[in-house]
Amino acid sequence: MSSLSIAPSFVPVRPAPQVRLTRRGRLVVFVTSLLIVLTAAFVLAAGAMGTDHAGTPTPTATWVVGDGETLGGIARQVGSSVLELEQLNRLSSAEIMAGQKLRVPTAG
């Protein structure tokens, strides 16, 4: 009869070599990091910049909401979107009430 013995194999683990940066290497890492941060800041700031121009105002008319009218229905009638009407009238939702006055864009 034969016997089989299983023993875990032992593999010595070598410690990772230490990386030491020279003065020049530290300077390269610093300048590269600085460029990355400045580029990210510039890209983020470019999207938030305003201009000196006020822009062209949207010509509007006044719409009095009737019974049973919805913002979606009004938007379809004036050729606009619900989102545009919400922004134009500073509404927090699409909920409107009969008798409420809304500004709607006109084609003028």
N, C-alpha and C. Protein backbone atom coordinates (compact mmCIF):
# COMPACT_ATOMS: atom_id res chain seq x y z
N MET A 1 0.82 -1.15 0.00
CA MET A 1 0.00 0.00 0.00
C MET A 1 0.89 1.24 0.00
N SER A 2 0.45 2.25 -0.70
CA SER A 2 1.27 3.45 -0.76
C SER A 2 0.56 4.58 -0.02
N SER A 3 1.33 5.49 0.47
CA SER A 3 0.73 6.63 1.17
C SER A 3 1.12 7.91 0.45
N LEU A 4 0.23 8.83 0.50
CA LEU A 4 0.44 10.11 -0.18
C LEU A 4 0.37 11.19 0.88
N SER A 5 1.36 12.00 0.91
CA SER A 5 1.35 13.08 1.88
C SER A 5 1.39 14.40 1.12
N ILE A 6 0.54 15.34 1.55
CA ILE A 6 0.47 16.64 0.90
C ILE A 6 0.96 17.68 1.90
N ALA A 7 1.94 18.42 1.47
CA ALA A 7 2.47 19.47 2.33
C ALA A 7 2.42 20.78 1.56
N PRO A 8 2.06 21.85 2.24
CA PRO A 8 2.02 23.13 1.53
C PRO A 8 3.43 23.53 1.09
N SER A 9 3.49 24.06 -0.10
CA SER A 9 4.80 24.48 -0.58
C SER A 9 5.11 25.86 -0.02
N PHE A 10 6.31 26.08 0.33
CA PHE A 10 6.73 27.33 0.92
C PHE A 10 7.49 28.13 -0.12
N VAL A 11 6.95 29.32 -0.41
CA VAL A 11 7.63 30.21 -1.35
C VAL A 11 7.97 31.49 -0.59
N PRO A 12 9.24 31.76 -0.44
CA PRO A 12 9.59 32.98 0.30
C PRO A 12 9.15 34.22 -0.48
N VAL A 13 8.60 35.17 0.23
CA VAL A 13 8.13 36.41 -0.39
C VAL A 13 9.23 37.45 -0.25
N ARG A 14 9.60 38.02 -1.36
CA ARG A 14 10.62 39.06 -1.34
C ARG A 14 9.96 40.39 -1.01
N PRO A 15 10.56 41.19 -0.20
CA PRO A 15 9.99 42.50 0.08
C PRO A 15 10.08 43.38 -1.16
N ALA A 16 9.08 44.22 -1.30
CA ALA A 16 9.04 45.11 -2.45
C ALA A 16 10.21 46.09 -2.36
N PRO A 17 10.84 46.35 -3.48
CA PRO A 17 11.96 47.29 -3.44
C PRO A 17 11.46 48.70 -3.11
N GLN A 18 12.20 49.41 -2.33
CA GLN A 18 11.82 50.77 -1.98
C GLN A 18 12.15 51.70 -3.13
N VAL A 19 11.19 52.59 -3.42
CA VAL A 19 11.40 53.57 -4.47
C VAL A 19 11.81 54.86 -3.80
N ARG A 20 12.92 55.37 -4.20
CA ARG A 20 13.39 56.63 -3.65
C ARG A 20 13.49 57.63 -4.78
N LEU A 21 12.83 58.75 -4.59
CA LEU A 21 12.85 59.78 -5.62
C LEU A 21 14.02 60.72 -5.37
N THR A 22 14.63 61.09 -6.45
CA THR A 22 15.69 62.08 -6.37
C THR A 22 15.05 63.46 -6.30
N ARG A 23 15.84 64.45 -6.13
CA ARG A 23 15.32 65.82 -6.10
C ARG A 23 14.62 66.15 -7.41
N ARG A 24 15.22 65.75 -8.50
CA ARG A 24 14.63 66.00 -9.82
C ARG A 24 13.31 65.23 -9.98
N GLY A 25 13.26 64.00 -9.49
CA GLY A 25 12.04 63.20 -9.56
C GLY A 25 10.90 63.81 -8.77
N ARG A 26 11.21 64.33 -7.56
CA ARG A 26 10.19 64.99 -6.75
C ARG A 26 9.67 66.23 -7.46
N LEU A 27 10.57 66.96 -8.11
CA LEU A 27 10.17 68.16 -8.85
C LEU A 27 9.24 67.79 -10.00
N VAL A 28 9.56 66.73 -10.72
CA VAL A 28 8.71 66.28 -11.84
C VAL A 28 7.34 65.87 -11.33
N VAL A 29 7.27 65.13 -10.24
CA VAL A 29 5.99 64.71 -9.68
C VAL A 29 5.18 65.93 -9.23
N PHE A 30 5.83 66.89 -8.58
CA PHE A 30 5.14 68.09 -8.12
C PHE A 30 4.60 68.91 -9.28
N VAL A 31 5.41 69.16 -10.29
CA VAL A 31 4.98 69.97 -11.44
C VAL A 31 3.86 69.28 -12.20
N THR A 32 3.94 67.97 -12.37
CA THR A 32 2.89 67.23 -13.06
C THR A 32 1.58 67.30 -12.28
N SER A 33 1.65 67.12 -10.97
CA SER A 33 0.44 67.21 -10.14
C SER A 33 -0.16 68.61 -10.20
N LEU A 34 0.70 69.61 -10.15
CA LEU A 34 0.24 70.99 -10.21
C LEU A 34 -0.46 71.28 -11.55
N LEU A 35 0.10 70.78 -12.64
CA LEU A 35 -0.53 70.98 -13.95
C LEU A 35 -1.89 70.29 -14.03
N ILE A 36 -2.00 69.11 -13.46
CA ILE A 36 -3.28 68.38 -13.48
C ILE A 36 -4.33 69.17 -12.68
N VAL A 37 -3.97 69.65 -11.50
CA VAL A 37 -4.91 70.40 -10.67
C VAL A 37 -5.31 71.71 -11.36
N LEU A 38 -4.37 72.43 -11.93
CA LEU A 38 -4.69 73.68 -12.60
C LEU A 38 -5.56 73.46 -13.83
N THR A 39 -5.29 72.40 -14.57
CA THR A 39 -6.12 72.09 -15.74
C THR A 39 -7.55 71.77 -15.32
N ALA A 40 -7.70 70.96 -14.28
CA ALA A 40 -9.05 70.63 -13.79
C ALA A 40 -9.77 71.88 -13.30
N ALA A 41 -9.07 72.76 -12.59
CA ALA A 41 -9.69 73.99 -12.10
C ALA A 41 -10.10 74.89 -13.26
N PHE A 42 -9.28 74.97 -14.28
CA PHE A 42 -9.60 75.80 -15.44
C PHE A 42 -10.83 75.26 -16.17
N VAL A 43 -10.89 73.95 -16.35
CA VAL A 43 -12.02 73.34 -17.06
C VAL A 43 -13.32 73.55 -16.27
N LEU A 44 -13.25 73.38 -14.95
CA LEU A 44 -14.46 73.57 -14.14
C LEU A 44 -14.88 75.04 -14.09
N ALA A 45 -13.91 75.93 -14.03
CA ALA A 45 -14.23 77.35 -13.96
C ALA A 45 -14.75 77.88 -15.29
N ALA A 46 -14.30 77.30 -16.40
CA ALA A 46 -14.73 77.78 -17.72
C ALA A 46 -16.23 77.57 -17.91
N GLY A 47 -16.78 76.51 -17.34
CA GLY A 47 -18.20 76.25 -17.47
C GLY A 47 -19.04 77.18 -16.61
N ALA A 48 -18.45 77.78 -15.58
CA ALA A 48 -19.21 78.63 -14.67
C ALA A 48 -19.04 80.12 -14.97
N MET A 49 -18.26 80.45 -15.97
CA MET A 49 -18.02 81.85 -16.28
C MET A 49 -19.22 82.48 -16.96
N GLY A 50 -19.50 83.70 -16.58
CA GLY A 50 -20.56 84.45 -17.22
C GLY A 50 -19.96 85.40 -18.25
N THR A 51 -20.82 86.13 -18.90
CA THR A 51 -20.35 87.13 -19.87
C THR A 51 -20.88 88.49 -19.49
N ASP A 52 -20.40 89.52 -20.15
CA ASP A 52 -20.88 90.87 -19.91
C ASP A 52 -22.19 91.15 -20.63
N HIS A 53 -22.56 90.26 -21.54
CA HIS A 53 -23.77 90.47 -22.33
C HIS A 53 -24.98 89.90 -21.60
N ALA A 54 -26.05 90.69 -21.55
CA ALA A 54 -27.25 90.26 -20.85
C ALA A 54 -28.02 89.21 -21.63
N GLY A 55 -27.77 89.08 -22.92
CA GLY A 55 -28.51 88.14 -23.73
C GLY A 55 -29.77 88.78 -24.27
N THR A 56 -30.48 88.04 -25.08
CA THR A 56 -31.72 88.57 -25.64
C THR A 56 -32.90 88.02 -24.84
N PRO A 57 -33.78 88.88 -24.35
CA PRO A 57 -34.92 88.40 -23.59
C PRO A 57 -35.91 87.67 -24.50
N THR A 58 -36.55 86.67 -23.95
CA THR A 58 -37.56 85.93 -24.69
C THR A 58 -38.85 86.74 -24.71
N PRO A 59 -39.39 87.02 -25.91
CA PRO A 59 -40.67 87.74 -25.95
C PRO A 59 -41.78 86.84 -25.38
N THR A 60 -42.58 87.42 -24.48
CA THR A 60 -43.61 86.62 -23.81
C THR A 60 -44.96 87.30 -23.87
N ALA A 61 -45.97 86.52 -23.58
CA ALA A 61 -47.34 87.01 -23.44
C ALA A 61 -47.90 86.42 -22.15
N THR A 62 -48.98 86.95 -21.67
CA THR A 62 -49.60 86.46 -20.43
C THR A 62 -50.71 85.47 -20.79
N TRP A 63 -50.75 84.36 -20.07
CA TRP A 63 -51.75 83.31 -20.26
C TRP A 63 -52.45 83.10 -18.93
N VAL A 64 -53.77 83.19 -18.92
CA VAL A 64 -54.54 82.93 -17.70
C VAL A 64 -55.00 81.48 -17.77
N VAL A 65 -54.66 80.70 -16.77
CA VAL A 65 -54.97 79.26 -16.76
C VAL A 65 -56.46 79.08 -16.56
N GLY A 66 -57.06 78.28 -17.44
CA GLY A 66 -58.49 77.98 -17.35
C GLY A 66 -58.73 76.70 -16.57
N ASP A 67 -60.01 76.41 -16.27
CA ASP A 67 -60.37 75.18 -15.56
C ASP A 67 -59.95 73.96 -16.37
N GLY A 68 -59.28 73.02 -15.73
CA GLY A 68 -58.90 71.76 -16.38
C GLY A 68 -57.65 71.85 -17.24
N GLU A 69 -57.05 73.02 -17.38
CA GLU A 69 -55.84 73.13 -18.20
C GLU A 69 -54.63 72.63 -17.41
N THR A 70 -53.72 72.03 -18.15
CA THR A 70 -52.48 71.55 -17.55
C THR A 70 -51.31 72.30 -18.18
N LEU A 71 -50.18 72.24 -17.52
CA LEU A 71 -49.00 72.90 -18.06
C LEU A 71 -48.56 72.24 -19.36
N GLY A 72 -48.74 70.93 -19.44
CA GLY A 72 -48.41 70.22 -20.67
C GLY A 72 -49.30 70.64 -21.83
N GLY A 73 -50.58 70.80 -21.55
CA GLY A 73 -51.51 71.23 -22.59
C GLY A 73 -51.21 72.64 -23.07
N ILE A 74 -50.90 73.52 -22.12
CA ILE A 74 -50.56 74.89 -22.50
C ILE A 74 -49.27 74.91 -23.31
N ALA A 75 -48.30 74.11 -22.89
CA ALA A 75 -47.03 74.04 -23.61
C ALA A 75 -47.24 73.59 -25.06
N ARG A 76 -48.12 72.60 -25.25
CA ARG A 76 -48.41 72.14 -26.63
C ARG A 76 -49.09 73.24 -27.44
N GLN A 77 -50.00 73.98 -26.83
CA GLN A 77 -50.72 75.02 -27.56
C GLN A 77 -49.82 76.18 -27.98
N VAL A 78 -48.84 76.51 -27.16
CA VAL A 78 -47.97 77.64 -27.49
C VAL A 78 -46.68 77.19 -28.18
N GLY A 79 -46.52 75.89 -28.38
CA GLY A 79 -45.32 75.38 -29.07
C GLY A 79 -44.07 75.46 -28.21
N SER A 80 -44.21 75.12 -26.95
CA SER A 80 -43.10 75.20 -26.00
C SER A 80 -42.97 73.86 -25.30
N SER A 81 -42.12 73.82 -24.28
CA SER A 81 -41.99 72.61 -23.47
C SER A 81 -42.38 72.94 -22.03
N VAL A 82 -42.74 71.92 -21.29
CA VAL A 82 -43.12 72.10 -19.89
C VAL A 82 -41.94 72.68 -19.11
N LEU A 83 -40.74 72.17 -19.38
CA LEU A 83 -39.55 72.65 -18.69
C LEU A 83 -39.32 74.14 -18.96
N GLU A 84 -39.50 74.56 -20.20
CA GLU A 84 -39.32 75.97 -20.54
C GLU A 84 -40.33 76.85 -19.80
N LEU A 85 -41.58 76.39 -19.73
CA LEU A 85 -42.60 77.16 -19.01
C LEU A 85 -42.30 77.21 -17.50
N GLU A 86 -41.83 76.09 -16.94
CA GLU A 86 -41.47 76.08 -15.53
C GLU A 86 -40.34 77.07 -15.24
N GLN A 87 -39.33 77.09 -16.11
CA GLN A 87 -38.21 78.00 -15.91
C GLN A 87 -38.62 79.45 -16.12
N LEU A 88 -39.43 79.71 -17.12
CA LEU A 88 -39.85 81.07 -17.44
C LEU A 88 -40.69 81.67 -16.32
N ASN A 89 -41.48 80.81 -15.65
CA ASN A 89 -42.37 81.28 -14.59
C ASN A 89 -41.85 80.97 -13.19
N ARG A 90 -40.64 80.43 -13.12
CA ARG A 90 -40.00 80.08 -11.85
C ARG A 90 -40.90 79.16 -11.01
N LEU A 91 -41.41 78.12 -11.65
CA LEU A 91 -42.26 77.15 -10.97
C LEU A 91 -41.40 76.02 -10.45
N SER A 92 -41.73 75.49 -9.28
CA SER A 92 -40.97 74.36 -8.74
C SER A 92 -41.53 73.02 -9.22
N SER A 93 -42.74 73.02 -9.78
CA SER A 93 -43.33 71.80 -10.33
C SER A 93 -44.29 72.19 -11.45
N ALA A 94 -44.90 71.19 -12.05
CA ALA A 94 -45.82 71.44 -13.16
C ALA A 94 -47.25 71.69 -12.66
N GLU A 95 -47.41 71.83 -11.37
CA GLU A 95 -48.74 72.05 -10.80
C GLU A 95 -49.15 73.51 -10.96
N ILE A 96 -50.31 73.71 -11.58
CA ILE A 96 -50.84 75.06 -11.76
C ILE A 96 -52.31 75.07 -11.35
N MET A 97 -52.86 76.26 -11.11
CA MET A 97 -54.25 76.38 -10.68
C MET A 97 -55.02 77.29 -11.63
N ALA A 98 -56.32 77.07 -11.72
CA ALA A 98 -57.18 77.92 -12.56
C ALA A 98 -57.09 79.35 -12.08
N GLY A 99 -56.97 80.28 -13.00
CA GLY A 99 -56.88 81.69 -12.70
C GLY A 99 -55.44 82.19 -12.55
N GLN A 100 -54.51 81.26 -12.49
CA GLN A 100 -53.10 81.64 -12.36
C GLN A 100 -52.62 82.26 -13.67
N LYS A 101 -51.80 83.31 -13.56
CA LYS A 101 -51.26 83.95 -14.75
C LYS A 101 -49.85 83.41 -15.00
N LEU A 102 -49.63 83.01 -16.25
CA LEU A 102 -48.34 82.48 -16.66
C LEU A 102 -47.76 83.30 -17.80
N ARG A 103 -46.46 83.37 -17.84
CA ARG A 103 -45.79 83.97 -19.00
C ARG A 103 -45.50 82.84 -19.98
N VAL A 104 -45.88 83.03 -21.23
CA VAL A 104 -45.62 82.02 -22.27
C VAL A 104 -44.84 82.68 -23.40
N PRO A 105 -43.91 81.95 -24.00
CA PRO A 105 -43.15 82.53 -25.10
C PRO A 105 -44.00 82.77 -26.32
N THR A 106 -43.71 83.86 -27.03
CA THR A 106 -44.41 84.15 -28.28
C THR A 106 -43.41 84.11 -29.41
N ALA A 107 -43.91 83.98 -30.62
CA ALA A 107 -43.04 83.93 -31.80
C ALA A 107 -42.90 85.35 -32.33
N GLY A 108 -42.26 86.21 -31.60
CA GLY A 108 -42.17 87.57 -32.05
C GLY A 108 -40.83 88.07 -31.88
